[in-house]
PDB file of N, CA and C in Angstrom:
ATOM      1  N   MET A   1      -5.678   2.530  17.670  1.00  0.00           N
ATOM      2  CA  MET A   1      -5.353   1.142  17.725  1.00  0.00           C
ATOM      3  C   MET A   1      -3.854   0.974  17.777  1.00  0.00           C
ATOM      4  N   ASP A   2      -3.349   0.177  18.693  1.00  0.00           N
ATOM      5  CA  ASP A   2      -1.921   0.020  18.886  1.00  0.00           C
ATOM      6  C   ASP A   2      -1.328  -1.227  18.260  1.00  0.00           C
ATOM      7  N   TRP A   3      -2.142  -2.060  17.639  1.00  0.00           N
ATOM      8  CA  TRP A   3      -1.618  -3.304  17.083  1.00  0.00           C
ATOM      9  C   TRP A   3      -2.128  -3.499  15.653  1.00  0.00           C
ATOM     10  N   THR A   4      -1.422  -4.363  14.924  1.00  0.00           N
ATOM     11  CA  THR A   4      -1.861  -4.698  13.577  1.00  0.00           C
ATOM     12  C   THR A   4      -1.779  -6.224  13.422  1.00  0.00           C
ATOM     13  N   PHE A   5      -2.348  -6.728  12.343  1.00  0.00           N
ATOM     14  CA  PHE A   5      -2.331  -8.181  12.118  1.00  0.00           C
ATOM     15  C   PHE A   5      -1.012  -8.692  11.589  1.00  0.00           C
ATOM     16  N   PHE A   6      -0.169  -7.806  11.047  1.00  0.00           N
ATOM     17  CA  PHE A   6       1.097  -8.241  10.465  1.00  0.00           C
ATOM     18  C   PHE A   6       2.275  -7.651  11.222  1.00  0.00           C
ATOM     19  N   THR A   7       3.379  -8.380  11.204  1.00  0.00           N
ATOM     20  CA  THR A   7       4.603  -7.933  11.822  1.00  0.00           C
ATOM     21  C   THR A   7       5.315  -6.904  10.946  1.00  0.00           C
ATOM     22  N   ASN A   8       6.322  -6.284  11.513  1.00  0.00           N
ATOM     23  CA  ASN A   8       7.131  -5.350  10.694  1.00  0.00           C
ATOM     24  C   ASN A   8       7.843  -6.115   9.571  1.00  0.00           C
ATOM     25  N   HIS A   9       8.198  -7.389   9.817  1.00  0.00           N
ATOM     26  CA  HIS A   9       8.802  -8.170   8.741  1.00  0.00           C
ATOM     27  C   HIS A   9       7.855  -8.303   7.565  1.00  0.00           C
ATOM     28  N   ALA A  10       6.585  -8.577   7.837  1.00  0.00           N
ATOM     29  CA  ALA A  10       5.607  -8.691   6.762  1.00  0.00           C
ATOM     30  C   ALA A  10       5.422  -7.340   6.062  1.00  0.00           C
ATOM     31  N   HIS A  11       5.384  -6.230   6.838  1.00  0.00           N
ATOM     32  CA  HIS A  11       5.230  -4.942   6.216  1.00  0.00           C
ATOM     33  C   HIS A  11       6.395  -4.587   5.290  1.00  0.00           C
ATOM     34  N   VAL A  12       7.623  -4.886   5.740  1.00  0.00           N
ATOM     35  CA  VAL A  12       8.780  -4.612   4.910  1.00  0.00           C
ATOM     36  C   VAL A  12       8.721  -5.474   3.664  1.00  0.00           C
ATOM     37  N   LEU A  13       8.386  -6.729   3.794  1.00  0.00           N
ATOM     38  CA  LEU A  13       8.287  -7.657   2.672  1.00  0.00           C
ATOM     39  C   LEU A  13       7.255  -7.136   1.661  1.00  0.00           C
ATOM     40  N   VAL A  14       6.090  -6.707   2.141  1.00  0.00           N
ATOM     41  CA  VAL A  14       5.053  -6.231   1.246  1.00  0.00           C
ATOM     42  C   VAL A  14       5.540  -4.973   0.491  1.00  0.00           C
ATOM     43  N   CYS A  15       6.251  -4.072   1.179  1.00  0.00           N
ATOM     44  CA  CYS A  15       6.744  -2.872   0.508  1.00  0.00           C
ATOM     45  C   CYS A  15       7.746  -3.253  -0.606  1.00  0.00           C
ATOM     46  N   LEU A  16       8.657  -4.155  -0.305  1.00  0.00           N
ATOM     47  CA  LEU A  16       9.672  -4.532  -1.304  1.00  0.00           C
ATOM     48  C   LEU A  16       9.074  -5.368  -2.428  1.00  0.00           C
ATOM     49  N   ALA A  17       8.033  -6.136  -2.123  1.00  0.00           N
ATOM     50  CA  ALA A  17       7.357  -6.895  -3.169  1.00  0.00           C
ATOM     51  C   ALA A  17       6.588  -5.975  -4.097  1.00  0.00           C
ATOM     52  N   GLY A  18       6.069  -4.870  -3.538  1.00  0.00           N
ATOM     53  CA  GLY A  18       5.328  -3.898  -4.356  1.00  0.00           C
ATOM     54  C   GLY A  18       6.246  -3.053  -5.210  1.00  0.00           C
ATOM     55  N   ASP A  19       7.482  -2.836  -4.724  1.00  0.00           N
ATOM     56  CA  ASP A  19       8.448  -1.993  -5.445  1.00  0.00           C
ATOM     57  C   ASP A  19       9.835  -2.459  -5.056  1.00  0.00           C
ATOM     58  N   GLY A  20      10.419  -3.338  -5.855  1.00  0.00           N
ATOM     59  CA  GLY A  20      11.692  -3.939  -5.570  1.00  0.00           C
ATOM     60  C   GLY A  20      12.878  -2.961  -5.591  1.00  0.00           C
ATOM     61  N   GLU A  21      12.616  -1.721  -5.988  1.00  0.00           N
ATOM     62  CA  GLU A  21      13.671  -0.720  -6.016  1.00  0.00           C
ATOM     63  C   GLU A  21      13.447   0.370  -4.956  1.00  0.00           C
ATOM     64  N   MET A  22      12.520   0.149  -4.064  1.00  0.00           N
ATOM     65  CA  MET A  22      12.204   1.129  -3.008  1.00  0.00           C
ATOM     66  C   MET A  22      13.401   1.275  -2.094  1.00  0.00           C
ATOM     67  N   ARG A  23      13.772   2.514  -1.790  1.00  0.00           N
ATOM     68  CA  ARG A  23      14.872   2.759  -0.858  1.00  0.00           C
ATOM     69  C   ARG A  23      14.426   2.400   0.567  1.00  0.00           C
ATOM     70  N   LEU A  24      15.401   1.851   1.338  1.00  0.00           N
ATOM     71  CA  LEU A  24      15.088   1.426   2.677  1.00  0.00           C
ATOM     72  C   LEU A  24      14.567   2.541   3.571  1.00  0.00           C
ATOM     73  N   ARG A  25      15.053   3.782   3.313  1.00  0.00           N
ATOM     74  CA  ARG A  25      14.548   4.908   4.124  1.00  0.00           C
ATOM     75  C   ARG A  25      13.054   5.131   3.799  1.00  0.00           C
ATOM     76  N   ASP A  26      12.661   4.920   2.549  1.00  0.00           N
ATOM     77  CA  ASP A  26      11.244   5.050   2.192  1.00  0.00           C
ATOM     78  C   ASP A  26      10.404   3.943   2.788  1.00  0.00           C
ATOM     79  N   VAL A  27      10.958   2.752   2.837  1.00  0.00           N
ATOM     80  CA  VAL A  27      10.284   1.629   3.472  1.00  0.00           C
ATOM     81  C   VAL A  27      10.067   1.969   4.938  1.00  0.00           C
ATOM     82  N   ALA A  28      11.102   2.499   5.594  1.00  0.00           N
ATOM     83  CA  ALA A  28      11.006   2.843   7.010  1.00  0.00           C
ATOM     84  C   ALA A  28       9.884   3.844   7.265  1.00  0.00           C
ATOM     85  N   VAL A  29       9.786   4.844   6.446  1.00  0.00           N
ATOM     86  CA  VAL A  29       8.719   5.849   6.588  1.00  0.00           C
ATOM     87  C   VAL A  29       7.350   5.222   6.413  1.00  0.00           C
ATOM     88  N   LYS A  30       7.226   4.395   5.389  1.00  0.00           N
ATOM     89  CA  LYS A  30       5.931   3.764   5.086  1.00  0.00           C
ATOM     90  C   LYS A  30       5.502   2.785   6.209  1.00  0.00           C
ATOM     91  N   VAL A  31       6.465   2.038   6.748  1.00  0.00           N
ATOM     92  CA  VAL A  31       6.143   1.060   7.793  1.00  0.00           C
ATOM     93  C   VAL A  31       6.014   1.754   9.158  1.00  0.00           C
ATOM     94  N   GLY A  32       6.744   2.856   9.343  1.00  0.00           N
ATOM     95  CA  GLY A  32       6.669   3.560  10.609  1.00  0.00           C
ATOM     96  C   GLY A  32       7.715   3.087  11.606  1.00  0.00           C
ATOM     97  N   ILE A  33       8.857   2.627  11.100  1.00  0.00           N
ATOM     98  CA  ILE A  33       9.950   2.194  11.940  1.00  0.00           C
ATOM     99  C   ILE A  33      11.233   2.864  11.468  1.00  0.00           C
ATOM    100  N   THR A  34      12.322   2.667  12.194  1.00  0.00           N
ATOM    101  CA  THR A  34      13.575   3.312  11.823  1.00  0.00           C
ATOM    102  C   THR A  34      14.224   2.613  10.633  1.00  0.00           C
ATOM    103  N   GLU A  35      15.067   3.366   9.936  1.00  0.00           N
ATOM    104  CA  GLU A  35      15.790   2.758   8.807  1.00  0.00           C
ATOM    105  C   GLU A  35      16.710   1.637   9.286  1.00  0.00           C
ATOM    106  N   ARG A  36      17.270   1.785  10.459  1.00  0.00           N
ATOM    107  CA  ARG A  36      18.122   0.719  10.992  1.00  0.00           C
ATOM    108  C   ARG A  36      17.312  -0.565  11.238  1.00  0.00           C
ATOM    109  N   ALA A  37      16.076  -0.421  11.701  1.00  0.00           N
ATOM    110  CA  ALA A  37      15.227  -1.578  11.909  1.00  0.00           C
ATOM    111  C   ALA A  37      14.908  -2.262  10.567  1.00  0.00           C
ATOM    112  N   VAL A  38      14.664  -1.454   9.531  1.00  0.00           N
ATOM    113  CA  VAL A  38      14.392  -2.007   8.190  1.00  0.00           C
ATOM    114  C   VAL A  38      15.639  -2.751   7.704  1.00  0.00           C
ATOM    115  N   GLN A  39      16.823  -2.176   7.904  1.00  0.00           N
ATOM    116  CA  GLN A  39      18.061  -2.852   7.477  1.00  0.00           C
ATOM    117  C   GLN A  39      18.194  -4.207   8.158  1.00  0.00           C
ATOM    118  N   ARG A  40      17.892  -4.249   9.457  1.00  0.00           N
ATOM    119  CA  ARG A  40      18.000  -5.530  10.202  1.00  0.00           C
ATOM    120  C   ARG A  40      16.960  -6.518   9.649  1.00  0.00           C
ATOM    121  N   ILE A  41      15.769  -6.087   9.387  1.00  0.00           N
ATOM    122  CA  ILE A  41      14.704  -6.967   8.857  1.00  0.00           C
ATOM    123  C   ILE A  41      15.099  -7.475   7.481  1.00  0.00           C
ATOM    124  N   VAL A  42      15.621  -6.605   6.620  1.00  0.00           N
ATOM    125  CA  VAL A  42      16.042  -7.016   5.285  1.00  0.00           C
ATOM    126  C   VAL A  42      17.145  -8.056   5.396  1.00  0.00           C
ATOM    127  N   MET A  43      18.095  -7.848   6.290  1.00  0.00           N
ATOM    128  CA  MET A  43      19.180  -8.804   6.497  1.00  0.00           C
ATOM    129  C   MET A  43      18.594 -10.158   6.933  1.00  0.00           C
ATOM    130  N   GLU A  44      17.628 -10.147   7.846  1.00  0.00           N
ATOM    131  CA  GLU A  44      17.025 -11.413   8.294  1.00  0.00           C
ATOM    132  C   GLU A  44      16.218 -12.091   7.179  1.00  0.00           C
ATOM    133  N   LEU A  45      15.532 -11.304   6.356  1.00  0.00           N
ATOM    134  CA  LEU A  45      14.808 -11.870   5.241  1.00  0.00           C
ATOM    135  C   LEU A  45      15.761 -12.455   4.182  1.00  0.00           C
ATOM    136  N   GLU A  46      16.911 -11.816   4.032  1.00  0.00           N
ATOM    137  CA  GLU A  46      17.959 -12.380   3.140  1.00  0.00           C
ATOM    138  C   GLU A  46      18.513 -13.688   3.682  1.00  0.00           C
ATOM    139  N   GLU A  47      18.831 -13.651   5.000  1.00  0.00           N
ATOM    140  CA  GLU A  47      19.355 -14.898   5.625  1.00  0.00           C
ATOM    141  C   GLU A  47      18.354 -16.050   5.522  1.00  0.00           C
ATOM    142  N   GLY A  48      17.063 -15.725   5.599  1.00  0.00           N
ATOM    143  CA  GLY A  48      16.001 -16.718   5.464  1.00  0.00           C
ATOM    144  C   GLY A  48      15.709 -17.095   4.034  1.00  0.00           C
ATOM    145  N   LYS A  49      16.445 -16.512   3.105  1.00  0.00           N
ATOM    146  CA  LYS A  49      16.334 -16.816   1.648  1.00  0.00           C
ATOM    147  C   LYS A  49      14.958 -16.408   1.103  1.00  0.00           C
ATOM    148  N   ILE A  50      14.305 -15.471   1.751  1.00  0.00           N
ATOM    149  CA  ILE A  50      13.012 -14.980   1.298  1.00  0.00           C
ATOM    150  C   ILE A  50      13.192 -13.851   0.284  1.00  0.00           C
ATOM    151  N   ILE A  51      14.210 -13.022   0.469  1.00  0.00           N
ATOM    152  CA  ILE A  51      14.504 -11.994  -0.508  1.00  0.00           C
ATOM    153  C   ILE A  51      15.959 -12.125  -0.961  1.00  0.00           C
ATOM    154  N   VAL A  52      16.198 -11.619  -2.171  1.00  0.00           N
ATOM    155  CA  VAL A  52      17.559 -11.574  -2.725  1.00  0.00           C
ATOM    156  C   VAL A  52      17.804 -10.095  -3.084  1.00  0.00           C
ATOM    157  N   ARG A  53      18.962  -9.616  -2.609  1.00  0.00           N
ATOM    158  CA  ARG A  53      19.339  -8.223  -2.912  1.00  0.00           C
ATOM    159  C   ARG A  53      20.383  -8.247  -4.051  1.00  0.00           C
ATOM    160  N   VAL A  54      20.121  -7.451  -5.082  1.00  0.00           N
ATOM    161  CA  VAL A  54      21.078  -7.327  -6.184  1.00  0.00           C
ATOM    162  C   VAL A  54      21.497  -5.877  -6.247  1.00  0.00           C
ATOM    163  N   ARG A  55      22.771  -5.630  -6.212  1.00  0.00           N
ATOM    164  CA  ARG A  55      23.326  -4.280  -6.298  1.00  0.00           C
ATOM    165  C   ARG A  55      23.271  -3.816  -7.719  1.00  0.00           C
ATOM    166  N   ASP A  56      22.762  -2.614  -7.949  1.00  0.00           N
ATOM    167  CA  ASP A  56      22.694  -2.002  -9.262  1.00  0.00           C
ATOM    168  C   ASP A  56      23.262  -0.597  -9.156  1.00  0.00           C
ATOM    169  N   GLY A  57      24.571  -0.464  -9.351  1.00  0.00           N
ATOM    170  CA  GLY A  57      25.213   0.836  -9.149  1.00  0.00           C
ATOM    171  C   GLY A  57      25.148   1.193  -7.663  1.00  0.00           C
ATOM    172  N   ARG A  58      24.548   2.322  -7.382  1.00  0.00           N
ATOM    173  CA  ARG A  58      24.411   2.780  -5.985  1.00  0.00           C
ATOM    174  C   ARG A  58      23.120   2.318  -5.365  1.00  0.00           C
ATOM    175  N   ARG A  59      22.278   1.665  -6.112  1.00  0.00           N
ATOM    176  CA  ARG A  59      20.934   1.251  -5.638  1.00  0.00           C
ATOM    177  C   ARG A  59      20.909  -0.257  -5.466  1.00  0.00           C
ATOM    178  N   ASN A  60      19.935  -0.731  -4.740  1.00  0.00           N
ATOM    179  CA  ASN A  60      19.682  -2.153  -4.575  1.00  0.00           C
ATOM    180  C   ASN A  60      18.337  -2.498  -5.229  1.00  0.00           C
ATOM    181  N   HIS A  61      18.250  -3.674  -5.758  1.00  0.00           N
ATOM    182  CA  HIS A  61      16.998  -4.219  -6.239  1.00  0.00           C
ATOM    183  C   HIS A  61      16.684  -5.481  -5.474  1.00  0.00           C
ATOM    184  N   TYR A  62      15.480  -5.607  -4.994  1.00  0.00           N
ATOM    185  CA  TYR A  62      15.104  -6.784  -4.187  1.00  0.00           C
ATOM    186  C   TYR A  62      14.108  -7.622  -4.948  1.00  0.00           C
ATOM    187  N   THR A  63      14.340  -8.916  -4.958  1.00  0.00           N
ATOM    188  CA  THR A  63      13.380  -9.868  -5.512  1.00  0.00           C
ATOM    189  C   THR A  63      12.946 -10.800  -4.394  1.00  0.00           C
ATOM    190  N   ILE A  64      11.737 -11.287  -4.518  1.00  0.00           N
ATOM    191  CA  ILE A  64      11.108 -12.091  -3.487  1.00  0.00           C
ATOM    192  C   ILE A  64      10.980 -13.515  -4.020  1.00  0.00           C
ATOM    193  N   ASP A  65      11.311 -14.495  -3.184  1.00  0.00           N
ATOM    194  CA  ASP A  65      11.061 -15.900  -3.531  1.00  0.00           C
ATOM    195  C   ASP A  65       9.668 -16.256  -3.041  1.00  0.00           C
ATOM    196  N   HIS A  66       8.738 -16.248  -3.936  1.00  0.00           N
ATOM    197  CA  HIS A  66       7.323 -16.470  -3.621  1.00  0.00           C
ATOM    198  C   HIS A  66       7.042 -17.894  -3.176  1.00  0.00           C
ATOM    199  N   THR A  67       7.990 -18.825  -3.431  1.00  0.00           N
ATOM    200  CA  THR A  67       7.749 -20.222  -3.132  1.00  0.00           C
ATOM    201  C   THR A  67       8.155 -20.617  -1.687  1.00  0.00           C
ATOM    202  N   MET A  68       8.784 -19.683  -0.974  1.00  0.00           N
ATOM    203  CA  MET A  68       9.257 -20.029   0.395  1.00  0.00           C
ATOM    204  C   MET A  68       8.051 -20.194   1.304  1.00  0.00           C
ATOM    205  N   PRO A  69       8.085 -21.215   2.126  1.00  0.00           N
ATOM    206  CA  PRO A  69       6.975 -21.390   3.083  1.00  0.00           C
ATOM    207  C   PRO A  69       7.047 -20.353   4.186  1.00  0.00           C
ATOM    208  N   LEU A  70       5.896 -19.931   4.724  1.00  0.00           N
ATOM    209  CA  LEU A  70       5.881 -19.070   5.873  1.00  0.00           C
ATOM    210  C   LEU A  70       6.509 -19.803   7.070  1.00  0.00           C
ATOM    211  N   ARG A  71       7.078 -19.082   8.007  1.00  0.00           N
ATOM    212  CA  ARG A  71       7.963 -19.678   9.016  1.00  0.00           C
ATOM    213  C   ARG A  71       7.282 -20.255  10.219  1.00  0.00           C
ATOM    214  N   HIS A  72       6.158 -19.768  10.629  1.00  0.00           N
ATOM    215  CA  HIS A  72       5.512 -20.267  11.838  1.00  0.00           C
ATOM    216  C   HIS A  72       4.736 -21.535  11.524  1.00  0.00           C
ATOM    217  N   PRO A  73       4.777 -22.541  12.440  1.00  0.00           N
ATOM    218  CA  PRO A  73       4.072 -23.815  12.164  1.00  0.00           C
ATOM    219  C   PRO A  73       2.577 -23.645  11.845  1.00  0.00           C
ATOM    220  N   ILE A  74       1.960 -22.623  12.378  1.00  0.00           N
ATOM    221  CA  ILE A  74       0.516 -22.440  12.127  1.00  0.00           C
ATOM    222  C   ILE A  74       0.225 -22.128  10.672  1.00  0.00           C
ATOM    223  N   GLU A  75       1.159 -21.399  10.028  1.00  0.00           N
ATOM    224  CA  GLU A  75       0.912 -21.014   8.610  1.00  0.00           C
ATOM    225  C   GLU A  75       1.944 -21.616   7.654  1.00  0.00           C
ATOM    226  N   SER A  76       2.722 -22.556   8.108  1.00  0.00           N
ATOM    227  CA  SER A  76       3.785 -23.113   7.260  1.00  0.00           C
ATOM    228  C   SER A  76       3.279 -23.868   6.043  1.00  0.00           C
ATOM    229  N   HIS A  77       1.991 -24.167   6.001  1.00  0.00           N
ATOM    230  CA  HIS A  77       1.413 -24.813   4.816  1.00  0.00           C
ATOM    231  C   HIS A  77       1.177 -23.795   3.705  1.00  0.00           C
ATOM    232  N   ARG A  78       1.411 -22.496   3.979  1.00  0.00           N
ATOM    233  CA  ARG A  78       1.281 -21.412   2.986  1.00  0.00           C
ATOM    234  C   ARG A  78       2.628 -20.882   2.629  1.00  0.00           C
ATOM    235  N   THR A  79       2.678 -20.154   1.488  1.00  0.00           N
ATOM    236  CA  THR A  79       3.950 -19.599   1.017  1.00  0.00           C
ATOM    237  C   THR A  79       3.965 -18.065   1.151  1.00  0.00           C
ATOM    238  N   VAL A  80       5.147 -17.519   0.974  1.00  0.00           N
ATOM    239  CA  VAL A  80       5.312 -16.062   0.921  1.00  0.00           C
ATOM    240  C   VAL A  80       4.388 -15.486  -0.156  1.00  0.00           C
ATOM    241  N   GLY A  81       4.338 -16.145  -1.304  1.00  0.00           N
ATOM    242  CA  GLY A  81       3.452 -15.709  -2.397  1.00  0.00           C
ATOM    243  C   GLY A  81       2.000 -15.668  -1.996  1.00  0.00           C
ATOM    244  N   ASP A  82       1.554 -16.651  -1.215  1.00  0.00           N
ATOM    245  CA  ASP A  82       0.194 -16.652  -0.708  1.00  0.00           C
ATOM    246  C   ASP A  82      -0.074 -15.372   0.113  1.00  0.00           C
ATOM    247  N   LEU A  83       0.838 -15.042   0.989  1.00  0.00           N
ATOM    248  CA  LEU A  83       0.705 -13.863   1.818  1.00  0.00           C
ATOM    249  C   LEU A  83       0.673 -12.602   0.981  1.00  0.00           C
ATOM    250  N   LEU A  84       1.574 -12.494   0.029  1.00  0.00           N
ATOM    251  CA  LEU A  84       1.636 -11.320  -0.787  1.00  0.00           C
ATOM    252  C   LEU A  84       0.369 -11.166  -1.665  1.00  0.00           C
ATOM    253  N   ARG A  85      -0.158 -12.251  -2.158  1.00  0.00           N
ATOM    254  CA  ARG A  85      -1.377 -12.184  -2.979  1.00  0.00           C
ATOM    255  C   ARG A  85      -2.568 -11.721  -2.132  1.00  0.00           C
ATOM    256  N   LEU A  86      -2.515 -11.979  -0.853  1.00  0.00           N
ATOM    257  CA  LEU A  86      -3.568 -11.582   0.059  1.00  0.00           C
ATOM    258  C   LEU A  86      -3.540 -10.051   0.245  1.00  0.00           C
ATOM    259  N   VAL A  87      -2.352  -9.477   0.260  1.00  0.00           N
ATOM    260  CA  VAL A  87      -2.193  -8.077   0.632  1.00  0.00           C
ATOM    261  C   VAL A  87      -2.048  -7.123  -0.547  1.00  0.00           C
ATOM    262  N   LEU A  88      -1.243  -7.517  -1.528  1.00  0.00           N
ATOM    263  CA  LEU A  88      -0.960  -6.630  -2.667  1.00  0.00           C
ATOM    264  C   LEU A  88      -2.092  -6.624  -3.682  1.00  0.00           C
ATOM    265  N   PRO A  89      -2.330  -5.486  -4.332  1.00  0.00           N
ATOM    266  CA  PRO A  89      -3.364  -5.471  -5.363  1.00  0.00           C
ATOM    267  C   PRO A  89      -2.909  -6.301  -6.557  1.00  0.00           C
ATOM    268  N   LEU A  90      -3.882  -6.863  -7.242  1.00  0.00           N
ATOM    269  CA  LEU A  90      -3.579  -7.618  -8.463  1.00  0.00           C
ATOM    270  C   LEU A  90      -3.036  -6.666  -9.514  1.00  0.00           C
ATOM    271  N   ARG A  91      -2.010  -7.140 -10.216  1.00  0.00           N
ATOM    272  CA  ARG A  91      -1.498  -6.378 -11.341  1.00  0.00           C
ATOM    273  C   ARG A  91      -2.279  -6.739 -12.568  1.00  0.00           C
ATOM    274  N   GLU A  92      -2.437  -5.750 -13.450  1.00  0.00           N
ATOM    275  CA  GLU A  92      -3.241  -5.965 -14.663  1.00  0.00           C
ATOM    276  C   GLU A  92      -2.708  -7.170 -15.480  1.00  0.00           C
ATOM    277  N   ASP A  93      -1.370  -7.333 -15.554  1.00  0.00           N
ATOM    278  CA  ASP A  93      -0.806  -8.387 -16.362  1.00  0.00           C
ATOM    279  C   ASP A  93      -1.010  -9.751 -15.756  1.00  0.00           C
ATOM    280  N   SER A  94      -1.408  -9.848 -14.477  1.00  0.00           N
ATOM    281  CA  SER A  94      -1.586 -11.120 -13.829  1.00  0.00           C
ATOM    282  C   SER A  94      -3.031 -11.506 -13.685  1.00  0.00           C
ATOM    283  N   GLN A  95      -3.958 -10.594 -14.081  1.00  0.00           N
ATOM    284  CA  GLN A  95      -5.374 -10.890 -13.973  1.00  0.00           C
ATOM    285  C   GLN A  95      -5.795 -11.754 -15.141  1.00  0.00           C
ATOM    286  N   THR A  96      -6.682 -12.701 -14.845  1.00  0.00           N
ATOM    287  CA  THR A  96      -7.219 -13.535 -15.903  1.00  0.00           C
ATOM    288  C   THR A  96      -8.382 -12.785 -16.556  1.00  0.00           C
ATOM    289  N   LYS A  97      -8.462 -12.874 -17.868  1.00  0.00           N
ATOM    290  CA  LYS A  97      -9.527 -12.155 -18.594  1.00  0.00           C
ATOM    291  C   LYS A  97     -10.526 -13.119 -19.120  1.00  0.00           C
TER     292      LYS A  97
END
């Protein structure tokens, strides 16, 4: 199969939402694109105010603004958080008991 339902932007976002301290080279390997492509995507996600990069020594930490609406008019009634909840596994601390 040559196509997927999500873009590389969504794949990078999911990786960073799952592990905000993941190195971009590791994101590149996981997504299957170049590190340079991941850097460009991260820059675009930052410019879109979807992620915030915080420098911590030699490493970066990424946080996601879950309240940002998705960008395409077809899904703009949904948020980044809605997308991430669809894809990421529930964390034990967020499950209702």
